[in-house]
């Protein structure tokens, strides 16, 4: 990794999330040229691309085969600003709860270790 501790965790998380998001960048000093890292980052790229595409296409196929149902008064409307607002809030909330804790863990732990080392 090139660095132990919280900074090394930040390097790992950034390299693999960047590879899965099809960017492919890494922190300076990250040993991305190592054979193990090349293979593992390549697998992260494959999973980041096809790990989402295949299930989404399978769900779309199931929905296309399902019979169409008429709407009733008890159904939630899926058009209009209320649905769009709730959808955006849900996506941001789930995404934030998934990624922000681990992204904040490295810098926060590194800062606390620097403060603890000063005493």
PDB file of N, CA and C in Angstrom:
ATOM      1  N   UNK A   1       0.832  -1.187   0.000  1.00  0.00           N
ATOM      2  CA  UNK A   1       0.000   0.000   0.000  1.00  0.00           C
ATOM      3  C   UNK A   1       0.874   1.248   0.000  1.00  0.00           C
ATOM      4  N   UNK A   2       2.041   1.141   0.627  1.00  0.00           N
ATOM      5  CA  UNK A   2       2.925   2.280   0.689  1.00  0.00           C
ATOM      6  C   UNK A   2       2.831   3.034   2.008  1.00  0.00           C
ATOM      7  N   UNK A   3       1.828   2.721   2.829  1.00  0.00           N
ATOM      8  CA  UNK A   3       1.661   3.409   4.113  1.00  0.00           C
ATOM      9  C   UNK A   3       0.741   2.563   4.985  1.00  0.00           C
ATOM     10  N   UNK A   4       1.117   2.399   6.250  1.00  0.00           N
ATOM     11  CA  UNK A   4       0.277   1.648   7.180  1.00  0.00           C
ATOM     12  C   UNK A   4      -0.683   2.585   7.887  1.00  0.00           C
ATOM     13  N   UNK A   5      -1.640   2.008   8.555  1.00  0.00           N
ATOM     14  CA  UNK A   5      -2.548   2.791   9.376  1.00  0.00           C
ATOM     15  C   UNK A   5      -3.695   3.412   8.609  1.00  0.00           C
ATOM     16  N   UNK A   6      -4.257   4.476   9.161  1.00  0.00           N
ATOM     17  CA  UNK A   6      -5.439   5.099   8.564  1.00  0.00           C
ATOM     18  C   UNK A   6      -5.190   5.673   7.168  1.00  0.00           C
ATOM     19  N   UNK A   7      -3.985   6.204   6.936  1.00  0.00           N
ATOM     20  CA  UNK A   7      -3.697   6.760   5.611  1.00  0.00           C
ATOM     21  C   UNK A   7      -3.674   5.649   4.559  1.00  0.00           C
ATOM     22  N   UNK A   8      -3.176   4.489   4.944  1.00  0.00           N
ATOM     23  CA  UNK A   8      -3.196   3.341   4.039  1.00  0.00           C
ATOM     24  C   UNK A   8      -4.623   2.894   3.731  1.00  0.00           C
ATOM     25  N   UNK A   9      -5.502   2.958   4.738  1.00  0.00           N
ATOM     26  CA  UNK A   9      -6.910   2.637   4.514  1.00  0.00           C
ATOM     27  C   UNK A   9      -7.533   3.612   3.522  1.00  0.00           C
ATOM     28  N   UNK A  10      -7.222   4.901   3.680  1.00  0.00           N
ATOM     29  CA  UNK A  10      -7.749   5.901   2.744  1.00  0.00           C
ATOM     30  C   UNK A  10      -7.248   5.637   1.330  1.00  0.00           C
ATOM     31  N   UNK A  11      -5.981   5.245   1.201  1.00  0.00           N
ATOM     32  CA  UNK A  11      -5.436   4.929  -0.118  1.00  0.00           C
ATOM     33  C   UNK A  11      -6.154   3.742  -0.743  1.00  0.00           C
ATOM     34  N   UNK A  12      -6.371   2.699   0.046  1.00  0.00           N
ATOM     35  CA  UNK A  12      -7.067   1.508  -0.468  1.00  0.00           C
ATOM     36  C   UNK A  12      -8.491   1.827  -0.893  1.00  0.00           C
ATOM     37  N   UNK A  13      -9.232   2.493  -0.024  1.00  0.00           N
ATOM     38  CA  UNK A  13     -10.628   2.806  -0.327  1.00  0.00           C
ATOM     39  C   UNK A  13     -10.725   3.668  -1.579  1.00  0.00           C
ATOM     40  N   UNK A  14      -9.847   4.676  -1.686  1.00  0.00           N
ATOM     41  CA  UNK A  14      -9.897   5.553  -2.847  1.00  0.00           C
ATOM     42  C   UNK A  14      -9.541   4.800  -4.120  1.00  0.00           C
ATOM     43  N   UNK A  15      -8.506   3.969  -4.083  1.00  0.00           N
ATOM     44  CA  UNK A  15      -8.078   3.251  -5.293  1.00  0.00           C
ATOM     45  C   UNK A  15      -9.166   2.295  -5.780  1.00  0.00           C
ATOM     46  N   UNK A  16      -9.758   1.536  -4.874  1.00  0.00           N
ATOM     47  CA  UNK A  16     -10.750   0.550  -5.297  1.00  0.00           C
ATOM     48  C   UNK A  16     -12.090   1.183  -5.658  1.00  0.00           C
ATOM     49  N   UNK A  17     -12.507   2.222  -4.933  1.00  0.00           N
ATOM     50  CA  UNK A  17     -13.758   2.881  -5.312  1.00  0.00           C
ATOM     51  C   UNK A  17     -13.594   3.637  -6.623  1.00  0.00           C
ATOM     52  N   UNK A  18     -12.411   4.178  -6.870  1.00  0.00           N
ATOM     53  CA  UNK A  18     -12.147   4.854  -8.135  1.00  0.00           C
ATOM     54  C   UNK A  18     -12.126   3.856  -9.291  1.00  0.00           C
ATOM     55  N   UNK A  19     -11.561   2.692  -9.060  1.00  0.00           N
ATOM     56  CA  UNK A  19     -11.537   1.663 -10.103  1.00  0.00           C
ATOM     57  C   UNK A  19     -12.944   1.146 -10.392  1.00  0.00           C
ATOM     58  N   UNK A  20     -13.735   0.948  -9.341  1.00  0.00           N
ATOM     59  CA  UNK A  20     -15.102   0.466  -9.547  1.00  0.00           C
ATOM     60  C   UNK A  20     -15.970   1.519 -10.226  1.00  0.00           C
ATOM     61  N   UNK A  21     -15.659   2.794 -10.011  1.00  0.00           N
ATOM     62  CA  UNK A  21     -16.405   3.879 -10.643  1.00  0.00           C
ATOM     63  C   UNK A  21     -15.866   4.247 -12.011  1.00  0.00           C
ATOM     64  N   UNK A  22     -14.970   3.439 -12.568  1.00  0.00           N
ATOM     65  CA  UNK A  22     -14.415   3.590 -13.914  1.00  0.00           C
ATOM     66  C   UNK A  22     -13.508   4.800 -14.065  1.00  0.00           C
ATOM     67  N   UNK A  23     -12.938   5.318 -12.979  1.00  0.00           N
ATOM     68  CA  UNK A  23     -11.996   6.417 -13.069  1.00  0.00           C
ATOM     69  C   UNK A  23     -10.572   5.885 -13.112  1.00  0.00           C
ATOM     70  N   UNK A  24     -10.210   5.036 -12.175  1.00  0.00           N
ATOM     71  CA  UNK A  24      -8.915   4.376 -12.180  1.00  0.00           C
ATOM     72  C   UNK A  24      -7.780   5.183 -11.608  1.00  0.00           C
ATOM     73  N   UNK A  25      -8.032   6.199 -10.805  1.00  0.00           N
ATOM     74  CA  UNK A  25      -6.934   6.957 -10.214  1.00  0.00           C
ATOM     75  C   UNK A  25      -6.636   6.427  -8.816  1.00  0.00           C
ATOM     76  N   UNK A  26      -5.473   6.814  -8.276  1.00  0.00           N
ATOM     77  CA  UNK A  26      -5.072   6.381  -6.943  1.00  0.00           C
ATOM     78  C   UNK A  26      -4.215   7.473  -6.319  1.00  0.00           C
ATOM     79  N   UNK A  27      -4.071   7.402  -4.998  1.00  0.00           N
ATOM     80  CA  UNK A  27      -3.192   8.343  -4.293  1.00  0.00           C
ATOM     81  C   UNK A  27      -1.757   8.135  -4.753  1.00  0.00           C
ATOM     82  N   UNK A  28      -0.953   9.196  -4.663  1.00  0.00           N
ATOM     83  CA  UNK A  28       0.476   9.057  -4.941  1.00  0.00           C
ATOM     84  C   UNK A  28       1.100   8.147  -3.893  1.00  0.00           C
ATOM     85  N   UNK A  29       1.962   7.272  -4.321  1.00  0.00           N
ATOM     86  CA  UNK A  29       2.602   6.344  -3.409  1.00  0.00           C
ATOM     87  C   UNK A  29       1.882   5.018  -3.269  1.00  0.00           C
ATOM     88  N   UNK A  30       0.693   4.889  -3.830  1.00  0.00           N
ATOM     89  CA  UNK A  30      -0.024   3.619  -3.784  1.00  0.00           C
ATOM     90  C   UNK A  30       0.616   2.675  -4.790  1.00  0.00           C
ATOM     91  N   UNK A  31       0.933   1.482  -4.376  1.00  0.00           N
ATOM     92  CA  UNK A  31       1.652   0.516  -5.219  1.00  0.00           C
ATOM     93  C   UNK A  31       0.696  -0.162  -6.191  1.00  0.00           C
ATOM     94  N   UNK A  32       0.148   0.611  -7.116  1.00  0.00           N
ATOM     95  CA  UNK A  32      -0.810   0.059  -8.067  1.00  0.00           C
ATOM     96  C   UNK A  32      -0.121  -0.766  -9.147  1.00  0.00           C
ATOM     97  N   UNK A  33       1.195  -0.666  -9.275  1.00  0.00           N
ATOM     98  CA  UNK A  33       1.924  -1.448 -10.273  1.00  0.00           C
ATOM     99  C   UNK A  33       2.251  -2.852  -9.808  1.00  0.00           C
ATOM    100  N   UNK A  34       2.009  -3.155  -8.552  1.00  0.00           N
ATOM    101  CA  UNK A  34       2.236  -4.490  -8.000  1.00  0.00           C
ATOM    102  C   UNK A  34       1.275  -5.478  -8.655  1.00  0.00           C
ATOM    103  N   UNK A  35       1.734  -6.706  -8.879  1.00  0.00           N
ATOM    104  CA  UNK A  35       0.892  -7.702  -9.564  1.00  0.00           C
ATOM    105  C   UNK A  35      -0.416  -7.946  -8.825  1.00  0.00           C
ATOM    106  N   UNK A  36      -0.354  -8.069  -7.498  1.00  0.00           N
ATOM    107  CA  UNK A  36      -1.565  -8.317  -6.719  1.00  0.00           C
ATOM    108  C   UNK A  36      -2.546  -7.154  -6.854  1.00  0.00           C
ATOM    109  N   UNK A  37      -2.036  -5.939  -6.758  1.00  0.00           N
ATOM    110  CA  UNK A  37      -2.914  -4.774  -6.866  1.00  0.00           C
ATOM    111  C   UNK A  37      -3.503  -4.655  -8.273  1.00  0.00           C
ATOM    112  N   UNK A  38      -2.712  -4.970  -9.291  1.00  0.00           N
ATOM    113  CA  UNK A  38      -3.240  -4.910 -10.663  1.00  0.00           C
ATOM    114  C   UNK A  38      -4.405  -5.882 -10.848  1.00  0.00           C
ATOM    115  N   UNK A  39      -4.244  -7.092 -10.351  1.00  0.00           N
ATOM    116  CA  UNK A  39      -5.305  -8.096 -10.487  1.00  0.00           C
ATOM    117  C   UNK A  39      -6.524  -7.701  -9.658  1.00  0.00           C
ATOM    118  N   UNK A  40      -6.298  -7.283  -8.418  1.00  0.00           N
ATOM    119  CA  UNK A  40      -7.419  -6.935  -7.546  1.00  0.00           C
ATOM    120  C   UNK A  40      -8.162  -5.694  -8.050  1.00  0.00           C
ATOM    121  N   UNK A  41      -7.439  -4.696  -8.532  1.00  0.00           N
ATOM    122  CA  UNK A  41      -8.092  -3.499  -9.063  1.00  0.00           C
ATOM    123  C   UNK A  41      -8.824  -3.827 -10.357  1.00  0.00           C
ATOM    124  N   UNK A  42      -8.244  -4.721 -11.172  1.00  0.00           N
ATOM    125  CA  UNK A  42      -8.947  -5.171 -12.380  1.00  0.00           C
ATOM    126  C   UNK A  42     -10.250  -5.881 -12.050  1.00  0.00           C
ATOM    127  N   UNK A  43     -10.237  -6.712 -11.003  1.00  0.00           N
ATOM    128  CA  UNK A  43     -11.475  -7.372 -10.565  1.00  0.00           C
ATOM    129  C   UNK A  43     -12.483  -6.356 -10.028  1.00  0.00           C
ATOM    130  N   UNK A  44     -11.990  -5.329  -9.333  1.00  0.00           N
ATOM    131  CA  UNK A  44     -12.888  -4.272  -8.849  1.00  0.00           C
ATOM    132  C   UNK A  44     -13.522  -3.543 -10.029  1.00  0.00           C
ATOM    133  N   UNK A  45     -12.751  -3.326 -11.105  1.00  0.00           N
ATOM    134  CA  UNK A  45     -13.319  -2.691 -12.303  1.00  0.00           C
ATOM    135  C   UNK A  45     -14.399  -3.561 -12.925  1.00  0.00           C
ATOM    136  N   UNK A  46     -14.137  -4.863 -13.031  1.00  0.00           N
ATOM    137  CA  UNK A  46     -15.139  -5.766 -13.606  1.00  0.00           C
ATOM    138  C   UNK A  46     -16.408  -5.796 -12.768  1.00  0.00           C
ATOM    139  N   UNK A  47     -16.239  -5.898 -11.444  1.00  0.00           N
ATOM    140  CA  UNK A  47     -17.417  -5.915 -10.574  1.00  0.00           C
ATOM    141  C   UNK A  47     -18.137  -4.572 -10.583  1.00  0.00           C
ATOM    142  N   UNK A  48     -17.376  -3.488 -10.662  1.00  0.00           N
ATOM    143  CA  UNK A  48     -17.987  -2.164 -10.687  1.00  0.00           C
ATOM    144  C   UNK A  48     -18.791  -1.922 -11.950  1.00  0.00           C
ATOM    145  N   UNK A  49     -18.369  -2.530 -13.041  1.00  0.00           N
ATOM    146  CA  UNK A  49     -19.103  -2.355 -14.299  1.00  0.00           C
ATOM    147  C   UNK A  49     -20.212  -3.390 -14.450  1.00  0.00           C
ATOM    148  N   UNK A  50     -19.841  -4.664 -14.412  1.00  0.00           N
ATOM    149  CA  UNK A  50     -20.808  -5.718 -14.707  1.00  0.00           C
ATOM    150  C   UNK A  50     -21.561  -6.195 -13.479  1.00  0.00           C
ATOM    151  N   UNK A  51     -21.056  -5.908 -12.282  1.00  0.00           N
ATOM    152  CA  UNK A  51     -21.753  -6.297 -11.065  1.00  0.00           C
ATOM    153  C   UNK A  51     -23.067  -5.553 -10.888  1.00  0.00           C
ATOM    154  N   UNK A  52     -23.200  -4.405 -11.532  1.00  0.00           N
ATOM    155  CA  UNK A  52     -24.439  -3.638 -11.485  1.00  0.00           C
ATOM    156  C   UNK A  52     -25.275  -3.833 -12.750  1.00  0.00           C
ATOM    157  N   UNK A  53     -24.608  -3.976 -13.860  1.00  0.00           N
ATOM    158  CA  UNK A  53     -25.334  -4.053 -15.131  1.00  0.00           C
ATOM    159  C   UNK A  53     -26.170  -5.326 -15.226  1.00  0.00           C
ATOM    160  N   UNK A  54     -25.598  -6.450 -14.887  1.00  0.00           N
ATOM    161  CA  UNK A  54     -26.294  -7.734 -15.050  1.00  0.00           C
ATOM    162  C   UNK A  54     -27.540  -7.829 -14.166  1.00  0.00           C
ATOM    163  N   UNK A  55     -27.471  -7.526 -12.857  1.00  0.00           N
ATOM    164  CA  UNK A  55     -28.717  -7.570 -12.072  1.00  0.00           C
ATOM    165  C   UNK A  55     -29.766  -6.559 -12.523  1.00  0.00           C
ATOM    166  N   UNK A  56     -29.339  -5.379 -12.948  1.00  0.00           N
ATOM    167  CA  UNK A  56     -30.301  -4.380 -13.402  1.00  0.00           C
ATOM    168  C   UNK A  56     -31.001  -4.850 -14.669  1.00  0.00           C
ATOM    169  N   UNK A  57     -30.267  -5.470 -15.577  1.00  0.00           N
ATOM    170  CA  UNK A  57     -30.895  -6.013 -16.783  1.00  0.00           C
ATOM    171  C   UNK A  57     -31.829  -7.171 -16.451  1.00  0.00           C
ATOM    172  N   UNK A  58     -31.465  -7.983 -15.466  1.00  0.00           N
ATOM    173  CA  UNK A  58     -32.355  -9.081 -15.059  1.00  0.00           C
ATOM    174  C   UNK A  58     -33.650  -8.533 -14.449  1.00  0.00           C
ATOM    175  N   UNK A  59     -33.541  -7.505 -13.625  1.00  0.00           N
ATOM    176  CA  UNK A  59     -34.737  -6.885 -13.046  1.00  0.00           C
ATOM    177  C   UNK A  59     -35.593  -6.256 -14.136  1.00  0.00           C
ATOM    178  N   UNK A  60     -34.957  -5.594 -15.092  1.00  0.00           N
ATOM    179  CA  UNK A  60     -35.702  -4.983 -16.199  1.00  0.00           C
ATOM    180  C   UNK A  60     -36.423  -6.044 -17.020  1.00  0.00           C
ATOM    181  N   UNK A  61     -35.793  -7.190 -17.232  1.00  0.00           N
ATOM    182  CA  UNK A  61     -36.450  -8.277 -17.958  1.00  0.00           C
ATOM    183  C   UNK A  61     -37.654  -8.822 -17.209  1.00  0.00           C
ATOM    184  N   UNK A  62     -37.523  -8.957 -15.893  1.00  0.00           N
ATOM    185  CA  UNK A  62     -38.656  -9.429 -15.083  1.00  0.00           C
ATOM    186  C   UNK A  62     -39.809  -8.426 -15.114  1.00  0.00           C
ATOM    187  N   UNK A  63     -39.485  -7.142 -15.039  1.00  0.00           N
ATOM    188  CA  UNK A  63     -40.533  -6.121 -15.081  1.00  0.00           C
ATOM    189  C   UNK A  63     -41.191  -6.052 -16.457  1.00  0.00           C
ATOM    190  N   UNK A  64     -40.440  -6.291 -17.509  1.00  0.00           N
ATOM    191  CA  UNK A  64     -41.018  -6.257 -18.854  1.00  0.00           C
ATOM    192  C   UNK A  64     -41.972  -7.423 -19.077  1.00  0.00           C
ATOM    193  N   UNK A  65     -41.696  -8.565 -18.445  1.00  0.00           N
ATOM    194  CA  UNK A  65     -42.564  -9.740 -18.594  1.00  0.00           C
ATOM    195  C   UNK A  65     -43.795  -9.692 -17.693  1.00  0.00           C
ATOM    196  N   UNK A  66     -43.769  -8.848 -16.671  1.00  0.00           N
ATOM    197  CA  UNK A  66     -44.885  -8.785 -15.722  1.00  0.00           C
ATOM    198  C   UNK A  66     -46.117  -8.183 -16.402  1.00  0.00           C
ATOM    199  N   UNK A  67     -47.291  -8.674 -16.032  1.00  0.00           N
ATOM    200  CA  UNK A  67     -48.512  -8.101 -16.622  1.00  0.00           C
ATOM    201  C   UNK A  67     -48.749  -6.679 -16.115  1.00  0.00           C
ATOM    202  N   UNK A  68     -49.302  -5.871 -16.961  1.00  0.00           N
ATOM    203  CA  UNK A  68     -49.572  -4.476 -16.603  1.00  0.00           C
ATOM    204  C   UNK A  68     -50.813  -4.410 -15.715  1.00  0.00           C
ATOM    205  N   UNK A  69     -50.716  -3.619 -14.663  1.00  0.00           N
ATOM    206  CA  UNK A  69     -51.837  -3.469 -13.747  1.00  0.00           C
ATOM    207  C   UNK A  69     -52.341  -2.037 -13.803  1.00  0.00           C
ATOM    208  N   UNK A  70     -53.618  -1.912 -13.664  1.00  0.00           N
ATOM    209  CA  UNK A  70     -54.229  -0.584 -13.668  1.00  0.00           C
ATOM    210  C   UNK A  70     -53.983   0.094 -12.330  1.00  0.00           C
ATOM    211  N   UNK A  71     -53.850   1.406 -12.369  1.00  0.00           N
ATOM    212  CA  UNK A  71     -53.639   2.148 -11.131  1.00  0.00           C
ATOM    213  C   UNK A  71     -54.966   2.351 -10.410  1.00  0.00           C
ATOM    214  N   UNK A  72     -54.864   2.467  -9.093  1.00  0.00           N
ATOM    215  CA  UNK A  72     -56.051   2.722  -8.283  1.00  0.00           C
ATOM    216  C   UNK A  72     -55.784   3.947  -7.409  1.00  0.00           C
ATOM    217  N   UNK A  73     -56.775   4.314  -6.620  1.00  0.00           N
ATOM    218  CA  UNK A  73     -56.618   5.506  -5.783  1.00  0.00           C
ATOM    219  C   UNK A  73     -55.620   5.299  -4.657  1.00  0.00           C
ATOM    220  N   UNK A  74     -55.352   4.065  -4.283  1.00  0.00           N
ATOM    221  CA  UNK A  74     -54.419   3.791  -3.190  1.00  0.00           C
ATOM    222  C   UNK A  74     -52.971   3.757  -3.620  1.00  0.00           C
ATOM    223  N   UNK A  75     -52.700   3.851  -4.910  1.00  0.00           N
ATOM    224  CA  UNK A  75     -51.321   3.796  -5.402  1.00  0.00           C
ATOM    225  C   UNK A  75     -50.623   5.137  -5.219  1.00  0.00           C
ATOM    226  N   UNK A  76     -49.316   5.061  -4.969  1.00  0.00           N
ATOM    227  CA  UNK A  76     -48.515   6.271  -4.849  1.00  0.00           C
ATOM    228  C   UNK A  76     -48.194   6.777  -6.250  1.00  0.00           C
ATOM    229  N   UNK A  77     -48.436   8.040  -6.545  1.00  0.00           N
ATOM    230  CA  UNK A  77     -48.155   8.547  -7.890  1.00  0.00           C
ATOM    231  C   UNK A  77     -46.646   8.613  -8.152  1.00  0.00           C
ATOM    232  N   UNK A  78     -46.240   8.111  -9.315  1.00  0.00           N
ATOM    233  CA  UNK A  78     -44.818   8.093  -9.641  1.00  0.00           C
ATOM    234  C   UNK A  78     -44.461   9.163 -10.665  1.00  0.00           C
ATOM    235  N   UNK A  79     -45.247  10.192 -10.724  1.00  0.00           N
ATOM    236  CA  UNK A  79     -44.918  11.339 -11.564  1.00  0.00           C
ATOM    237  C   UNK A  79     -45.163  12.591 -10.746  1.00  0.00           C
ATOM    238  N   UNK A  80     -44.381  13.590 -10.995  1.00  0.00           N
ATOM    239  CA  UNK A  80     -44.545  14.830 -10.264  1.00  0.00           C
ATOM    240  C   UNK A  80     -43.376  15.115  -9.351  1.00  0.00           C
ATOM    241  N   UNK A  81     -43.363  16.297  -8.774  1.00  0.00           N
ATOM    242  CA  UNK A  81     -42.221  16.721  -7.966  1.00  0.00           C
ATOM    243  C   UNK A  81     -42.075  15.967  -6.643  1.00  0.00           C
ATOM    244  N   UNK A  82     -43.158  15.483  -6.060  1.00  0.00           N
ATOM    245  CA  UNK A  82     -43.055  14.753  -4.797  1.00  0.00           C
ATOM    246  C   UNK A  82     -42.263  13.462  -4.978  1.00  0.00           C
ATOM    247  N   UNK A  83     -42.582  12.703  -6.015  1.00  0.00           N
ATOM    248  CA  UNK A  83     -41.869  11.450  -6.257  1.00  0.00           C
ATOM    249  C   UNK A  83     -40.401  11.713  -6.578  1.00  0.00           C
ATOM    250  N   UNK A  84     -40.128  12.702  -7.402  1.00  0.00           N
ATOM    251  CA  UNK A  84     -38.750  13.016  -7.774  1.00  0.00           C
ATOM    252  C   UNK A  84     -37.949  13.439  -6.550  1.00  0.00           C
ATOM    253  N   UNK A  85     -38.532  14.264  -5.693  1.00  0.00           N
ATOM    254  CA  UNK A  85     -37.854  14.714  -4.481  1.00  0.00           C
ATOM    255  C   UNK A  85     -37.571  13.549  -3.540  1.00  0.00           C
ATOM    256  N   UNK A  86     -38.555  12.705  -3.322  1.00  0.00           N
ATOM    257  CA  UNK A  86     -38.357  11.543  -2.443  1.00  0.00           C
ATOM    258  C   UNK A  86     -37.329  10.576  -3.011  1.00  0.00           C
ATOM    259  N   UNK A  87     -37.319  10.399  -4.326  1.00  0.00           N
ATOM    260  CA  UNK A  87     -36.342   9.512  -4.956  1.00  0.00           C
ATOM    261  C   UNK A  87     -34.927  10.054  -4.793  1.00  0.00           C
ATOM    262  N   UNK A  88     -34.737  11.340  -5.027  1.00  0.00           N
ATOM    263  CA  UNK A  88     -33.405  11.942  -4.894  1.00  0.00           C
ATOM    264  C   UNK A  88     -32.924  11.872  -3.449  1.00  0.00           C
ATOM    265  N   UNK A  89     -33.803  12.168  -2.500  1.00  0.00           N
ATOM    266  CA  UNK A  89     -33.424  12.104  -1.086  1.00  0.00           C
ATOM    267  C   UNK A  89     -33.049  10.677  -0.696  1.00  0.00           C
ATOM    268  N   UNK A  90     -33.809   9.690  -1.168  1.00  0.00           N
ATOM    269  CA  UNK A  90     -33.524   8.294  -0.845  1.00  0.00           C
ATOM    270  C   UNK A  90     -32.184   7.858  -1.417  1.00  0.00           C
ATOM    271  N   UNK A  91     -31.907   8.209  -2.665  1.00  0.00           N
ATOM    272  CA  UNK A  91     -30.641   7.826  -3.291  1.00  0.00           C
ATOM    273  C   UNK A  91     -29.467   8.477  -2.557  1.00  0.00           C
ATOM    274  N   UNK A  92     -29.576   9.756  -2.240  1.00  0.00           N
ATOM    275  CA  UNK A  92     -28.497  10.442  -1.518  1.00  0.00           C
ATOM    276  C   UNK A  92     -28.309   9.876  -0.111  1.00  0.00           C
ATOM    277  N   UNK A  93     -29.400   9.553   0.561  1.00  0.00           N
ATOM    278  CA  UNK A  93     -29.315   9.011   1.912  1.00  0.00           C
ATOM    279  C   UNK A  93     -28.664   7.631   1.915  1.00  0.00           C
ATOM    280  N   UNK A  94     -29.105   6.746   1.052  1.00  0.00           N
ATOM    281  CA  UNK A  94     -28.527   5.397   0.988  1.00  0.00           C
ATOM    282  C   UNK A  94     -27.069   5.464   0.553  1.00  0.00           C
ATOM    283  N   UNK A  95     -26.769   6.293  -0.444  1.00  0.00           N
ATOM    284  CA  UNK A  95     -25.384   6.444  -0.882  1.00  0.00           C
ATOM    285  C   UNK A  95     -24.500   7.025   0.205  1.00  0.00           C
ATOM    286  N   UNK A  96     -24.998   8.034   0.902  1.00  0.00           N
ATOM    287  CA  UNK A  96     -24.225   8.628   1.981  1.00  0.00           C
ATOM    288  C   UNK A  96     -23.990   7.665   3.128  1.00  0.00           C
ATOM    289  N   UNK A  97     -25.004   6.918   3.519  1.00  0.00           N
ATOM    290  CA  UNK A  97     -24.847   5.950   4.606  1.00  0.00           C
ATOM    291  C   UNK A  97     -23.955   4.787   4.209  1.00  0.00           C
ATOM    292  N   UNK A  98     -23.829   4.517   2.925  1.00  0.00           N
ATOM    293  CA  UNK A  98     -22.973   3.424   2.468  1.00  0.00           C
ATOM    294  C   UNK A  98     -21.506   3.824   2.409  1.00  0.00           C
ATOM    295  N   UNK A  99     -21.213   5.033   1.937  1.00  0.00           N
ATOM    296  CA  UNK A  99     -19.833   5.390   1.648  1.00  0.00           C
ATOM    297  C   UNK A  99     -19.203   6.373   2.627  1.00  0.00           C
ATOM    298  N   UNK A 100     -19.958   7.304   3.176  1.00  0.00           N
ATOM    299  CA  UNK A 100     -19.350   8.340   4.007  1.00  0.00           C
ATOM    300  C   UNK A 100     -18.683   7.827   5.277  1.00  0.00           C
ATOM    301  N   UNK A 101     -19.221   6.831   5.992  1.00  0.00           N
ATOM    302  CA  UNK A 101     -18.520   6.384   7.204  1.00  0.00           C
ATOM    303  C   UNK A 101     -17.119   5.855   6.932  1.00  0.00           C
ATOM    304  N   UNK A 102     -16.944   5.047   5.909  1.00  0.00           N
ATOM    305  CA  UNK A 102     -15.621   4.492   5.648  1.00  0.00           C
ATOM    306  C   UNK A 102     -14.700   5.533   5.020  1.00  0.00           C
ATOM    307  N   UNK A 103     -15.250   6.487   4.258  1.00  0.00           N
ATOM    308  CA  UNK A 103     -14.419   7.543   3.704  1.00  0.00           C
ATOM    309  C   UNK A 103     -13.935   8.495   4.787  1.00  0.00           C
ATOM    310  N   UNK A 104     -14.733   8.700   5.804  1.00  0.00           N
ATOM    311  CA  UNK A 104     -14.342   9.580   6.899  1.00  0.00           C
ATOM    312  C   UNK A 104     -13.460   8.866   7.915  1.00  0.00           C
ATOM    313  N   UNK A 105     -13.489   7.548   7.941  1.00  0.00           N
ATOM    314  CA  UNK A 105     -12.744   6.799   8.940  1.00  0.00           C
ATOM    315  C   UNK A 105     -11.237   7.033   8.825  1.00  0.00           C
ATOM    316  N   UNK A 106     -10.695   7.018   7.620  1.00  0.00           N
ATOM    317  CA  UNK A 106      -9.258   7.195   7.435  1.00  0.00           C
ATOM    318  C   UNK A 106      -8.767   8.550   7.913  1.00  0.00           C
ATOM    319  N   UNK A 107      -9.297   9.661   7.384  1.00  0.00           N
ATOM    320  CA  UNK A 107      -8.813  10.968   7.835  1.00  0.00           C
ATOM    321  C   UNK A 107      -9.077  11.255   9.314  1.00  0.00           C
ATOM    322  N   UNK A 108     -10.211  10.843   9.832  1.00  0.00           N
ATOM    323  CA  UNK A 108     -10.509  11.092  11.250  1.00  0.00           C
ATOM    324  C   UNK A 108      -9.566  10.297  12.140  1.00  0.00           C
ATOM    325  N   UNK A 109      -9.363   9.019  11.807  1.00  0.00           N
ATOM    326  CA  UNK A 109      -8.455   8.195  12.612  1.00  0.00           C
ATOM    327  C   UNK A 109      -7.022   8.697  12.516  1.00  0.00           C
ATOM    328  N   UNK A 110      -6.615   9.163  11.334  1.00  0.00           N
ATOM    329  CA  UNK A 110      -5.261   9.700  11.187  1.00  0.00           C
ATOM    330  C   UNK A 110      -5.091  10.975  12.016  1.00  0.00           C
ATOM    331  N   UNK A 111      -6.078  11.838  12.003  1.00  0.00           N
ATOM    332  CA  UNK A 111      -6.001  13.061  12.798  1.00  0.00           C
ATOM    333  C   UNK A 111      -5.945  12.742  14.292  1.00  0.00           C
ATOM    334  N   UNK A 112      -6.778  11.799  14.724  1.00  0.00           N
ATOM    335  CA  UNK A 112      -6.769  11.435  16.143  1.00  0.00           C
ATOM    336  C   UNK A 112      -5.464  10.781  16.546  1.00  0.00           C
ATOM    337  N   UNK A 113      -4.850  10.015  15.644  1.00  0.00           N
ATOM    338  CA  UNK A 113      -3.548   9.411  15.977  1.00  0.00           C
ATOM    339  C   UNK A 113      -2.459  10.472  16.045  1.00  0.00           C
ATOM    340  N   UNK A 114      -2.560  11.525  15.225  1.00  0.00           N
ATOM    341  CA  UNK A 114      -1.573  12.605  15.296  1.00  0.00           C
ATOM    342  C   UNK A 114      -1.721  13.402  16.594  1.00  0.00           C
ATOM    343  N   UNK A 115      -2.981  13.632  17.002  1.00  0.00           N
ATOM    344  CA  UNK A 115      -3.221  14.355  18.250  1.00  0.00           C
ATOM    345  C   UNK A 115      -2.757  13.512  19.439  1.00  0.00           C
ATOM    346  N   UNK A 116      -3.045  12.213  19.391  1.00  0.00           N
ATOM    347  CA  UNK A 116      -2.651  11.320  20.482  1.00  0.00           C
ATOM    348  C   UNK A 116      -1.141  11.182  20.607  1.00  0.00           C
ATOM    349  N   UNK A 117      -0.428  11.285  19.473  1.00  0.00           N
ATOM    350  CA  UNK A 117       1.013  11.178  19.503  1.00  0.00           C
ATOM    351  C   UNK A 117       1.672  12.431  20.044  1.00  0.00           C
ATOM    352  N   UNK A 118       0.944  13.559  20.049  1.00  0.00           N
ATOM    353  CA  UNK A 118       1.529  14.816  20.514  1.00  0.00           C
ATOM    354  C   UNK A 118       1.569  14.896  22.040  1.00  0.00           C
ATOM    355  N   UNK A 119       0.735  14.089  22.719  1.00  0.00           N
ATOM    356  CA  UNK A 119       0.672  14.168  24.179  1.00  0.00           C
ATOM    357  C   UNK A 119       1.637  13.236  24.812  1.00  0.00           C
TER     358      UNK A 119
END
